[in-house]
Amino acid sequence: MTIRPKGKQNALEMIYDFVVSFVKPNIGDSYIKDYSLFLFSLFLFILVANNIGLMAKGTNNKRL
């Protein structure tokens, strides 16, 4: 981690800022510090799981 983010760190910080700015009006300023990392992890898990599910739909499952 550097002061000036590059590459993957820059992308992750942009996603983190998106999640925090999306959730902050709903849970308030007092709880955002406690739950921001959990909500960021949950967002990434759902994003990855949905993409894996979309890739699995493309396979040929006629033999099942």
PDB file of N, CA and C in Angstrom:
ATOM      1  N   MET A   1       0.843  -1.174   0.000  1.00  0.00           N
ATOM      2  CA  MET A   1       0.000   0.000   0.000  1.00  0.00           C
ATOM      3  C   MET A   1       0.894   1.245   0.000  1.00  0.00           C
ATOM      4  N   THR A   2       0.564   2.140  -0.884  1.00  0.00           N
ATOM      5  CA  THR A   2       1.341   3.363  -1.004  1.00  0.00           C
ATOM      6  C   THR A   2       0.438   4.573  -0.808  1.00  0.00           C
ATOM      7  N   ILE A   3       1.082   5.712  -0.651  1.00  0.00           N
ATOM      8  CA  ILE A   3       0.336   6.965  -0.497  1.00  0.00           C
ATOM      9  C   ILE A   3      -0.446   7.267  -1.771  1.00  0.00           C
ATOM     10  N   ARG A   4       0.224   7.110  -2.925  1.00  0.00           N
ATOM     11  CA  ARG A   4      -0.429   7.323  -4.220  1.00  0.00           C
ATOM     12  C   ARG A   4      -0.745   5.962  -4.813  1.00  0.00           C
ATOM     13  N   PRO A   5      -2.019   5.554  -4.796  1.00  0.00           N
ATOM     14  CA  PRO A   5      -2.365   4.207  -5.267  1.00  0.00           C
ATOM     15  C   PRO A   5      -2.125   4.036  -6.764  1.00  0.00           C
ATOM     16  N   LYS A   6      -1.746   2.816  -7.124  1.00  0.00           N
ATOM     17  CA  LYS A   6      -1.511   2.469  -8.524  1.00  0.00           C
ATOM     18  C   LYS A   6      -2.189   1.136  -8.805  1.00  0.00           C
ATOM     19  N   GLY A   7      -2.686   0.973  -9.999  1.00  0.00           N
ATOM     20  CA  GLY A   7      -3.187  -0.312 -10.463  1.00  0.00           C
ATOM     21  C   GLY A   7      -4.360  -0.856  -9.674  1.00  0.00           C
ATOM     22  N   LYS A   8      -4.155  -2.061  -9.127  1.00  0.00           N
ATOM     23  CA  LYS A   8      -5.229  -2.758  -8.415  1.00  0.00           C
ATOM     24  C   LYS A   8      -5.691  -2.002  -7.178  1.00  0.00           C
ATOM     25  N   GLN A   9      -4.771  -1.384  -6.477  1.00  0.00           N
ATOM     26  CA  GLN A   9      -5.139  -0.632  -5.280  1.00  0.00           C
ATOM     27  C   GLN A   9      -6.055   0.528  -5.639  1.00  0.00           C
ATOM     28  N   ASN A  10      -5.804   1.175  -6.739  1.00  0.00           N
ATOM     29  CA  ASN A  10      -6.639   2.282  -7.188  1.00  0.00           C
ATOM     30  C   ASN A  10      -8.053   1.794  -7.496  1.00  0.00           C
ATOM     31  N   ALA A  11      -8.168   0.652  -8.175  1.00  0.00           N
ATOM     32  CA  ALA A  11      -9.486   0.092  -8.506  1.00  0.00           C
ATOM     33  C   ALA A  11     -10.237  -0.306  -7.238  1.00  0.00           C
ATOM     34  N   LEU A  12      -9.548  -0.951  -6.297  1.00  0.00           N
ATOM     35  CA  LEU A  12     -10.202  -1.361  -5.059  1.00  0.00           C
ATOM     36  C   LEU A  12     -10.648  -0.163  -4.232  1.00  0.00           C
ATOM     37  N   GLU A  13      -9.859   0.897  -4.214  1.00  0.00           N
ATOM     38  CA  GLU A  13     -10.260   2.091  -3.473  1.00  0.00           C
ATOM     39  C   GLU A  13     -11.458   2.768  -4.115  1.00  0.00           C
ATOM     40  N   MET A  14     -11.549   2.719  -5.443  1.00  0.00           N
ATOM     41  CA  MET A  14     -12.719   3.285  -6.113  1.00  0.00           C
ATOM     42  C   MET A  14     -13.975   2.489  -5.771  1.00  0.00           C
ATOM     43  N   ILE A  15     -13.864   1.159  -5.755  1.00  0.00           N
ATOM     44  CA  ILE A  15     -15.010   0.319  -5.391  1.00  0.00           C
ATOM     45  C   ILE A  15     -15.382   0.540  -3.934  1.00  0.00           C
ATOM     46  N   TYR A  16     -14.378   0.648  -3.055  1.00  0.00           N
ATOM     47  CA  TYR A  16     -14.640   0.883  -1.635  1.00  0.00           C
ATOM     48  C   TYR A  16     -15.355   2.214  -1.426  1.00  0.00           C
ATOM     49  N   ASP A  17     -14.908   3.257  -2.107  1.00  0.00           N
ATOM     50  CA  ASP A  17     -15.569   4.563  -2.001  1.00  0.00           C
ATOM     51  C   ASP A  17     -17.001   4.500  -2.518  1.00  0.00           C
ATOM     52  N   PHE A  18     -17.230   3.730  -3.587  1.00  0.00           N
ATOM     53  CA  PHE A  18     -18.588   3.569  -4.103  1.00  0.00           C
ATOM     54  C   PHE A  18     -19.492   2.915  -3.064  1.00  0.00           C
ATOM     55  N   VAL A  19     -19.011   1.843  -2.441  1.00  0.00           N
ATOM     56  CA  VAL A  19     -19.822   1.129  -1.449  1.00  0.00           C
ATOM     57  C   VAL A  19     -20.097   2.024  -0.250  1.00  0.00           C
ATOM     58  N   VAL A  20     -19.088   2.718   0.233  1.00  0.00           N
ATOM     59  CA  VAL A  20     -19.268   3.588   1.397  1.00  0.00           C
ATOM     60  C   VAL A  20     -20.241   4.726   1.087  1.00  0.00           C
ATOM     61  N   SER A  21     -20.103   5.344  -0.066  1.00  0.00           N
ATOM     62  CA  SER A  21     -21.002   6.446  -0.402  1.00  0.00           C
ATOM     63  C   SER A  21     -22.423   5.958  -0.668  1.00  0.00           C
ATOM     64  N   PHE A  22     -22.578   4.723  -1.093  1.00  0.00           N
ATOM     65  CA  PHE A  22     -23.899   4.151  -1.323  1.00  0.00           C
ATOM     66  C   PHE A  22     -24.601   3.793  -0.014  1.00  0.00           C
ATOM     67  N   VAL A  23     -23.831   3.343   0.978  1.00  0.00           N
ATOM     68  CA  VAL A  23     -24.402   2.841   2.230  1.00  0.00           C
ATOM     69  C   VAL A  23     -24.515   3.933   3.295  1.00  0.00           C
ATOM     70  N   LYS A  24     -23.659   4.927   3.245  1.00  0.00           N
ATOM     71  CA  LYS A  24     -23.598   5.953   4.293  1.00  0.00           C
ATOM     72  C   LYS A  24     -24.943   6.635   4.575  1.00  0.00           C
ATOM     73  N   PRO A  25     -25.726   7.033   3.578  1.00  0.00           N
ATOM     74  CA  PRO A  25     -27.019   7.665   3.890  1.00  0.00           C
ATOM     75  C   PRO A  25     -28.003   6.725   4.583  1.00  0.00           C
ATOM     76  N   ASN A  26     -27.820   5.424   4.406  1.00  0.00           N
ATOM     77  CA  ASN A  26     -28.755   4.461   4.982  1.00  0.00           C
ATOM     78  C   ASN A  26     -28.430   4.083   6.421  1.00  0.00           C
ATOM     79  N   ILE A  27     -27.139   3.967   6.759  1.00  0.00           N
ATOM     80  CA  ILE A  27     -26.795   3.549   8.118  1.00  0.00           C
ATOM     81  C   ILE A  27     -26.253   4.681   8.976  1.00  0.00           C
ATOM     82  N   GLY A  28     -25.913   5.795   8.377  1.00  0.00           N
ATOM     83  CA  GLY A  28     -25.463   6.950   9.149  1.00  0.00           C
ATOM     84  C   GLY A  28     -23.967   7.002   9.352  1.00  0.00           C
ATOM     85  N   ASP A  29     -23.508   8.181   9.758  1.00  0.00           N
ATOM     86  CA  ASP A  29     -22.070   8.404   9.954  1.00  0.00           C
ATOM     87  C   ASP A  29     -21.508   7.657  11.153  1.00  0.00           C
ATOM     88  N   SER A  30     -22.337   7.404  12.150  1.00  0.00           N
ATOM     89  CA  SER A  30     -21.818   6.780  13.369  1.00  0.00           C
ATOM     90  C   SER A  30     -21.499   5.297  13.180  1.00  0.00           C
ATOM     91  N   TYR A  31     -22.180   4.613  12.253  1.00  0.00           N
ATOM     92  CA  TYR A  31     -21.951   3.185  12.058  1.00  0.00           C
ATOM     93  C   TYR A  31     -21.098   2.855  10.842  1.00  0.00           C
ATOM     94  N   ILE A  32     -20.825   3.841   9.998  1.00  0.00           N
ATOM     95  CA  ILE A  32     -20.095   3.555   8.768  1.00  0.00           C
ATOM     96  C   ILE A  32     -18.682   3.053   9.053  1.00  0.00           C
ATOM     97  N   LYS A  33     -18.051   3.545  10.092  1.00  0.00           N
ATOM     98  CA  LYS A  33     -16.697   3.104  10.434  1.00  0.00           C
ATOM     99  C   LYS A  33     -16.690   1.640  10.877  1.00  0.00           C
ATOM    100  N   ASP A  34     -17.740   1.222  11.574  1.00  0.00           N
ATOM    101  CA  ASP A  34     -17.802  -0.147  12.077  1.00  0.00           C
ATOM    102  C   ASP A  34     -18.131  -1.168  10.987  1.00  0.00           C
ATOM    103  N   TYR A  35     -18.982  -0.812  10.056  1.00  0.00           N
ATOM    104  CA  TYR A  35     -19.509  -1.780   9.099  1.00  0.00           C
ATOM    105  C   TYR A  35     -18.995  -1.622   7.676  1.00  0.00           C
ATOM    106  N   SER A  36     -18.165  -0.644   7.402  1.00  0.00           N
ATOM    107  CA  SER A  36     -17.744  -0.390   6.018  1.00  0.00           C
ATOM    108  C   SER A  36     -16.931  -1.555   5.440  1.00  0.00           C
ATOM    109  N   LEU A  37     -16.022  -2.125   6.189  1.00  0.00           N
ATOM    110  CA  LEU A  37     -15.215  -3.231   5.678  1.00  0.00           C
ATOM    111  C   LEU A  37     -16.071  -4.477   5.453  1.00  0.00           C
ATOM    112  N   PHE A  38     -17.006  -4.741   6.362  1.00  0.00           N
ATOM    113  CA  PHE A  38     -17.914  -5.879   6.189  1.00  0.00           C
ATOM    114  C   PHE A  38     -18.766  -5.710   4.936  1.00  0.00           C
ATOM    115  N   LEU A  39     -19.325  -4.527   4.736  1.00  0.00           N
ATOM    116  CA  LEU A  39     -20.175  -4.285   3.578  1.00  0.00           C
ATOM    117  C   LEU A  39     -19.379  -4.322   2.277  1.00  0.00           C
ATOM    118  N   PHE A  40     -18.135  -3.855   2.313  1.00  0.00           N
ATOM    119  CA  PHE A  40     -17.261  -3.937   1.146  1.00  0.00           C
ATOM    120  C   PHE A  40     -16.983  -5.399   0.798  1.00  0.00           C
ATOM    121  N   SER A  41     -16.696  -6.222   1.802  1.00  0.00           N
ATOM    122  CA  SER A  41     -16.446  -7.642   1.568  1.00  0.00           C
ATOM    123  C   SER A  41     -17.692  -8.341   1.039  1.00  0.00           C
ATOM    124  N   LEU A  42     -18.844  -7.998   1.588  1.00  0.00           N
ATOM    125  CA  LEU A  42     -20.102  -8.573   1.132  1.00  0.00           C
ATOM    126  C   LEU A  42     -20.386  -8.191  -0.318  1.00  0.00           C
ATOM    127  N   PHE A  43     -20.148  -6.934  -0.672  1.00  0.00           N
ATOM    128  CA  PHE A  43     -20.341  -6.475  -2.041  1.00  0.00           C
ATOM    129  C   PHE A  43     -19.442  -7.246  -3.004  1.00  0.00           C
ATOM    130  N   LEU A  44     -18.159  -7.398  -2.665  1.00  0.00           N
ATOM    131  CA  LEU A  44     -17.246  -8.127  -3.545  1.00  0.00           C
ATOM    132  C   LEU A  44     -17.623  -9.599  -3.659  1.00  0.00           C
ATOM    133  N   PHE A  45     -18.063 -10.208  -2.554  1.00  0.00           N
ATOM    134  CA  PHE A  45     -18.481 -11.611  -2.592  1.00  0.00           C
ATOM    135  C   PHE A  45     -19.666 -11.790  -3.531  1.00  0.00           C
ATOM    136  N   ILE A  46     -20.672 -10.929  -3.418  1.00  0.00           N
ATOM    137  CA  ILE A  46     -21.853 -11.031  -4.274  1.00  0.00           C
ATOM    138  C   ILE A  46     -21.481 -10.774  -5.729  1.00  0.00           C
ATOM    139  N   LEU A  47     -20.611  -9.814  -5.982  1.00  0.00           N
ATOM    140  CA  LEU A  47     -20.176  -9.517  -7.342  1.00  0.00           C
ATOM    141  C   LEU A  47     -19.471 -10.713  -7.968  1.00  0.00           C
ATOM    142  N   VAL A  48     -18.550 -11.319  -7.250  1.00  0.00           N
ATOM    143  CA  VAL A  48     -17.805 -12.470  -7.775  1.00  0.00           C
ATOM    144  C   VAL A  48     -18.721 -13.676  -7.935  1.00  0.00           C
ATOM    145  N   ALA A  49     -19.604 -13.932  -6.954  1.00  0.00           N
ATOM    146  CA  ALA A  49     -20.506 -15.080  -7.033  1.00  0.00           C
ATOM    147  C   ALA A  49     -21.464 -14.954  -8.216  1.00  0.00           C
ATOM    148  N   ASN A  50     -21.960 -13.749  -8.468  1.00  0.00           N
ATOM    149  CA  ASN A  50     -22.845 -13.548  -9.617  1.00  0.00           C
ATOM    150  C   ASN A  50     -22.108 -13.761 -10.928  1.00  0.00           C
ATOM    151  N   ASN A  51     -20.877 -13.308 -11.018  1.00  0.00           N
ATOM    152  CA  ASN A  51     -20.116 -13.507 -12.252  1.00  0.00           C
ATOM    153  C   ASN A  51     -19.787 -14.978 -12.479  1.00  0.00           C
ATOM    154  N   ILE A  52     -19.492 -15.711 -11.434  1.00  0.00           N
ATOM    155  CA  ILE A  52     -19.253 -17.152 -11.567  1.00  0.00           C
ATOM    156  C   ILE A  52     -20.538 -17.849 -12.001  1.00  0.00           C
ATOM    157  N   GLY A  53     -21.663 -17.441 -11.447  1.00  0.00           N
ATOM    158  CA  GLY A  53     -22.938 -18.017 -11.843  1.00  0.00           C
ATOM    159  C   GLY A  53     -23.281 -17.742 -13.288  1.00  0.00           C
ATOM    160  N   LEU A  54     -22.938 -16.569 -13.789  1.00  0.00           N
ATOM    161  CA  LEU A  54     -23.193 -16.261 -15.193  1.00  0.00           C
ATOM    162  C   LEU A  54     -22.310 -17.089 -16.116  1.00  0.00           C
ATOM    163  N   MET A  55     -21.074 -17.343 -15.709  1.00  0.00           N
ATOM    164  CA  MET A  55     -20.179 -18.152 -16.533  1.00  0.00           C
ATOM    165  C   MET A  55     -20.628 -19.602 -16.553  1.00  0.00           C
ATOM    166  N   ALA A  56     -21.183 -20.086 -15.467  1.00  0.00           N
ATOM    167  CA  ALA A  56     -21.617 -21.478 -15.391  1.00  0.00           C
ATOM    168  C   ALA A  56     -22.849 -21.719 -16.253  1.00  0.00           C
ATOM    169  N   LYS A  57     -23.631 -20.709 -16.553  1.00  0.00           N
ATOM    170  CA  LYS A  57     -24.842 -20.865 -17.370  1.00  0.00           C
ATOM    171  C   LYS A  57     -24.486 -21.183 -18.821  1.00  0.00           C
ATOM    172  N   GLY A  58     -23.296 -20.847 -19.237  1.00  0.00           N
ATOM    173  CA  GLY A  58     -22.908 -21.061 -20.624  1.00  0.00           C
ATOM    174  C   GLY A  58     -22.508 -22.480 -20.953  1.00  0.00           C
ATOM    175  N   THR A  59     -22.388 -23.364 -19.972  1.00  0.00           N
ATOM    176  CA  THR A  59     -21.971 -24.731 -20.232  1.00  0.00           C
ATOM    177  C   THR A  59     -23.139 -25.554 -20.729  1.00  0.00           C
ATOM    178  N   ASN A  60     -22.838 -26.660 -21.370  1.00  0.00           N
ATOM    179  CA  ASN A  60     -23.859 -27.549 -21.919  1.00  0.00           C
ATOM    180  C   ASN A  60     -24.246 -28.570 -20.847  1.00  0.00           C
ATOM    181  N   ASN A  61     -25.441 -28.447 -20.285  1.00  0.00           N
ATOM    182  CA  ASN A  61     -25.888 -29.335 -19.210  1.00  0.00           C
ATOM    183  C   ASN A  61     -27.021 -30.241 -19.670  1.00  0.00           C
ATOM    184  N   LYS A  62     -27.039 -30.635 -20.922  1.00  0.00           N
ATOM    185  CA  LYS A  62     -28.131 -31.482 -21.424  1.00  0.00           C
ATOM    186  C   LYS A  62     -28.025 -32.907 -20.914  1.00  0.00           C
ATOM    187  N   ARG A  63     -26.845 -33.347 -20.544  1.00  0.00           N
ATOM    188  CA  ARG A  63     -26.679 -34.711 -20.068  1.00  0.00           C
ATOM    189  C   ARG A  63     -27.105 -34.896 -18.620  1.00  0.00           C
ATOM    190  N   LEU A  64     -27.359 -33.831 -17.893  1.00  0.00           N
ATOM    191  CA  LEU A  64     -27.785 -33.955 -16.503  1.00  0.00           C
ATOM    192  C   LEU A  64     -29.212 -34.323 -16.498  1.00  0.00           C
TER     193      LEU A  64
END
